[in-house]
Amino acid sequence: MHGNESDTSWNEPLAVALMVEADSLVEGLGVSGLDPEIVACAGEVVAAHKRRDMASVTVACRMVCERARALANPKALTRSPA
Protein backbone atom coordinates (compact mmCIF):
# COMPACT_ATOMS: atom_id res chain seq x y z
CA MET A 1 0.00 0.00 0.00
CA HIS A 2 1.22 3.45 -0.78
CA GLY A 3 0.81 6.46 1.43
CA ASN A 4 1.34 7.50 4.98
CA GLU A 5 -1.60 7.61 7.36
CA SER A 6 -0.11 10.55 9.24
CA ASP A 7 -0.25 12.66 6.06
CA THR A 8 -3.86 13.78 6.00
CA SER A 9 -3.58 16.38 3.21
CA TRP A 10 -5.84 15.50 0.33
CA ASN A 11 -4.02 13.98 -2.63
CA GLU A 12 -6.41 13.01 -5.43
CA PRO A 13 -3.87 11.10 -7.55
CA LEU A 14 -2.76 9.07 -4.52
CA ALA A 15 -6.37 8.40 -3.46
CA VAL A 16 -7.18 7.10 -6.94
CA ALA A 17 -3.98 5.01 -7.00
CA LEU A 18 -4.90 3.42 -3.66
CA MET A 19 -8.40 2.61 -4.90
CA VAL A 20 -7.09 1.12 -8.15
CA GLU A 21 -4.49 -0.89 -6.22
CA ALA A 22 -7.13 -2.32 -3.85
CA ASP A 23 -9.49 -3.13 -6.73
CA SER A 24 -6.70 -4.75 -8.73
CA LEU A 25 -5.67 -6.88 -5.76
CA VAL A 26 -9.23 -8.15 -5.25
CA GLU A 27 -9.46 -9.01 -8.94
CA GLY A 28 -5.95 -10.43 -9.14
CA LEU A 29 -6.51 -12.76 -6.19
CA GLY A 30 -9.78 -13.95 -7.72
CA VAL A 31 -11.73 -12.84 -4.66
CA SER A 32 -15.38 -11.80 -4.93
CA GLY A 33 -15.91 -8.09 -4.63
CA LEU A 34 -19.35 -9.01 -3.28
CA ASP A 35 -17.93 -10.31 0.00
CA PRO A 36 -19.86 -8.38 2.69
CA GLU A 37 -16.70 -7.07 4.37
CA ILE A 38 -15.22 -5.92 1.07
CA VAL A 39 -18.52 -4.24 0.14
CA ALA A 40 -18.59 -2.43 3.51
CA CYS A 41 -14.97 -1.32 3.18
CA ALA A 42 -15.55 -0.17 -0.39
CA GLY A 43 -18.44 1.93 0.88
CA GLU A 44 -16.07 3.49 3.40
CA VAL A 45 -13.59 4.22 0.59
CA VAL A 46 -16.28 6.01 -1.43
CA ALA A 47 -17.51 8.01 1.56
CA ALA A 48 -13.96 8.99 2.54
CA HIS A 49 -13.22 10.03 -1.05
CA LYS A 50 -16.32 12.24 -1.11
CA ARG A 51 -15.15 13.85 2.16
CA ARG A 52 -11.63 14.24 0.72
CA ASP A 53 -10.35 12.40 3.81
CA MET A 54 -7.00 10.98 2.78
CA ALA A 55 -6.32 9.11 6.02
CA SER A 56 -9.68 7.32 5.84
CA VAL A 57 -9.21 6.45 2.16
CA THR A 58 -5.85 4.93 3.05
CA VAL A 59 -7.22 2.92 5.97
CA ALA A 60 -10.30 1.69 4.07
CA CYS A 61 -8.22 0.64 1.05
CA ARG A 62 -5.86 -1.21 3.37
CA MET A 63 -8.85 -3.00 4.91
CA VAL A 64 -10.04 -4.08 1.45
CA CYS A 65 -6.58 -5.47 0.70
CA GLU A 66 -6.32 -7.27 4.04
CA ARG A 67 -9.73 -8.89 3.57
CA ALA A 68 -8.92 -9.92 0.00
CA ARG A 69 -5.67 -11.54 1.15
CA ALA A 70 -7.48 -13.32 3.97
CA LEU A 71 -10.13 -14.67 1.59
CA ALA A 72 -7.44 -15.79 -0.85
CA ASN A 73 -5.75 -17.68 2.01
CA PRO A 74 -8.60 -19.47 3.81
CA LYS A 75 -6.22 -20.90 6.43
CA ALA A 76 -5.65 -17.34 7.67
CA LEU A 77 -9.38 -17.03 8.39
CA THR A 78 -9.42 -20.08 10.67
CA ARG A 79 -6.28 -19.36 12.68
CA SER A 80 -6.82 -18.40 16.27
CA PRO A 81 -4.96 -15.33 17.52
CA ALA A 82 -1.66 -16.08 19.22
C-alpha atoms as a PDB file:
ATOM      1  CA  MET A   1       0.000   0.000   0.000  1.00  0.00           C
ATOM      2  CA  HIS A   2       1.219   3.452  -0.780  1.00  0.00           C
ATOM      3  CA  GLY A   3       0.812   6.457   1.432  1.00  0.00           C
ATOM      4  CA  ASN A   4       1.343   7.500   4.977  1.00  0.00           C
ATOM      5  CA  GLU A   5      -1.602   7.608   7.357  1.00  0.00           C
ATOM      6  CA  SER A   6      -0.107  10.547   9.236  1.00  0.00           C
ATOM      7  CA  ASP A   7      -0.247  12.663   6.065  1.00  0.00           C
ATOM      8  CA  THR A   8      -3.864  13.782   5.995  1.00  0.00           C
ATOM      9  CA  SER A   9      -3.581  16.377   3.212  1.00  0.00           C
ATOM     10  CA  TRP A  10      -5.839  15.497   0.330  1.00  0.00           C
ATOM     11  CA  ASN A  11      -4.020  13.980  -2.635  1.00  0.00           C
ATOM     12  CA  GLU A  12      -6.413  13.009  -5.426  1.00  0.00           C
ATOM     13  CA  PRO A  13      -3.868  11.096  -7.547  1.00  0.00           C
ATOM     14  CA  LEU A  14      -2.762   9.070  -4.517  1.00  0.00           C
ATOM     15  CA  ALA A  15      -6.365   8.395  -3.463  1.00  0.00           C
ATOM     16  CA  VAL A  16      -7.178   7.103  -6.944  1.00  0.00           C
ATOM     17  CA  ALA A  17      -3.981   5.012  -7.002  1.00  0.00           C
ATOM     18  CA  LEU A  18      -4.900   3.425  -3.659  1.00  0.00           C
ATOM     19  CA  MET A  19      -8.400   2.613  -4.899  1.00  0.00           C
ATOM     20  CA  VAL A  20      -7.091   1.117  -8.148  1.00  0.00           C
ATOM     21  CA  GLU A  21      -4.493  -0.891  -6.218  1.00  0.00           C
ATOM     22  CA  ALA A  22      -7.134  -2.315  -3.854  1.00  0.00           C
ATOM     23  CA  ASP A  23      -9.495  -3.133  -6.728  1.00  0.00           C
ATOM     24  CA  SER A  24      -6.695  -4.754  -8.726  1.00  0.00           C
ATOM     25  CA  LEU A  25      -5.674  -6.880  -5.757  1.00  0.00           C
ATOM     26  CA  VAL A  26      -9.234  -8.155  -5.253  1.00  0.00           C
ATOM     27  CA  GLU A  27      -9.463  -9.011  -8.945  1.00  0.00           C
ATOM     28  CA  GLY A  28      -5.947 -10.428  -9.135  1.00  0.00           C
ATOM     29  CA  LEU A  29      -6.512 -12.757  -6.194  1.00  0.00           C
ATOM     30  CA  GLY A  30      -9.785 -13.948  -7.716  1.00  0.00           C
ATOM     31  CA  VAL A  31     -11.727 -12.838  -4.657  1.00  0.00           C
ATOM     32  CA  SER A  32     -15.375 -11.803  -4.925  1.00  0.00           C
ATOM     33  CA  GLY A  33     -15.913  -8.093  -4.628  1.00  0.00           C
ATOM     34  CA  LEU A  34     -19.353  -9.011  -3.282  1.00  0.00           C
ATOM     35  CA  ASP A  35     -17.927 -10.305   0.001  1.00  0.00           C
ATOM     36  CA  PRO A  36     -19.863  -8.380   2.686  1.00  0.00           C
ATOM     37  CA  GLU A  37     -16.698  -7.073   4.374  1.00  0.00           C
ATOM     38  CA  ILE A  38     -15.222  -5.919   1.070  1.00  0.00           C
ATOM     39  CA  VAL A  39     -18.520  -4.238   0.144  1.00  0.00           C
ATOM     40  CA  ALA A  40     -18.589  -2.433   3.505  1.00  0.00           C
ATOM     41  CA  CYS A  41     -14.965  -1.317   3.181  1.00  0.00           C
ATOM     42  CA  ALA A  42     -15.551  -0.169  -0.393  1.00  0.00           C
ATOM     43  CA  GLY A  43     -18.442   1.935   0.875  1.00  0.00           C
ATOM     44  CA  GLU A  44     -16.073   3.491   3.395  1.00  0.00           C
ATOM     45  CA  VAL A  45     -13.593   4.222   0.593  1.00  0.00           C
ATOM     46  CA  VAL A  46     -16.279   6.008  -1.434  1.00  0.00           C
ATOM     47  CA  ALA A  47     -17.512   8.010   1.564  1.00  0.00           C
ATOM     48  CA  ALA A  48     -13.962   8.991   2.538  1.00  0.00           C
ATOM     49  CA  HIS A  49     -13.217  10.028  -1.046  1.00  0.00           C
ATOM     50  CA  LYS A  50     -16.317  12.236  -1.112  1.00  0.00           C
ATOM     51  CA  ARG A  51     -15.150  13.851   2.157  1.00  0.00           C
ATOM     52  CA  ARG A  52     -11.631  14.236   0.718  1.00  0.00           C
ATOM     53  CA  ASP A  53     -10.355  12.395   3.806  1.00  0.00           C
ATOM     54  CA  MET A  54      -6.996  10.979   2.783  1.00  0.00           C
ATOM     55  CA  ALA A  55      -6.324   9.107   6.022  1.00  0.00           C
ATOM     56  CA  SER A  56      -9.677   7.325   5.842  1.00  0.00           C
ATOM     57  CA  VAL A  57      -9.212   6.453   2.160  1.00  0.00           C
ATOM     58  CA  THR A  58      -5.848   4.931   3.052  1.00  0.00           C
ATOM     59  CA  VAL A  59      -7.220   2.915   5.965  1.00  0.00           C
ATOM     60  CA  ALA A  60     -10.299   1.695   4.075  1.00  0.00           C
ATOM     61  CA  CYS A  61      -8.224   0.641   1.054  1.00  0.00           C
ATOM     62  CA  ARG A  62      -5.856  -1.207   3.370  1.00  0.00           C
ATOM     63  CA  MET A  63      -8.847  -2.998   4.909  1.00  0.00           C
ATOM     64  CA  VAL A  64     -10.045  -4.083   1.454  1.00  0.00           C
ATOM     65  CA  CYS A  65      -6.578  -5.467   0.703  1.00  0.00           C
ATOM     66  CA  GLU A  66      -6.317  -7.269   4.042  1.00  0.00           C
ATOM     67  CA  ARG A  67      -9.730  -8.886   3.571  1.00  0.00           C
ATOM     68  CA  ALA A  68      -8.918  -9.919   0.001  1.00  0.00           C
ATOM     69  CA  ARG A  69      -5.670 -11.536   1.146  1.00  0.00           C
ATOM     70  CA  ALA A  70      -7.484 -13.324   3.975  1.00  0.00           C
ATOM     71  CA  LEU A  71     -10.126 -14.673   1.590  1.00  0.00           C
ATOM     72  CA  ALA A  72      -7.439 -15.794  -0.847  1.00  0.00           C
ATOM     73  CA  ASN A  73      -5.747 -17.679   2.012  1.00  0.00           C
ATOM     74  CA  PRO A  74      -8.605 -19.468   3.812  1.00  0.00           C
ATOM     75  CA  LYS A  75      -6.218 -20.895   6.426  1.00  0.00           C
ATOM     76  CA  ALA A  76      -5.652 -17.342   7.670  1.00  0.00           C
ATOM     77  CA  LEU A  77      -9.383 -17.035   8.391  1.00  0.00           C
ATOM     78  CA  THR A  78      -9.418 -20.084  10.671  1.00  0.00           C
ATOM     79  CA  ARG A  79      -6.279 -19.358  12.684  1.00  0.00           C
ATOM     80  CA  SER A  80      -6.821 -18.402  16.269  1.00  0.00           C
ATOM     81  CA  PRO A  81      -4.955 -15.328  17.515  1.00  0.00           C
ATOM     82  CA  ALA A  82      -1.658 -16.083  19.223  1.00  0.00           C
END
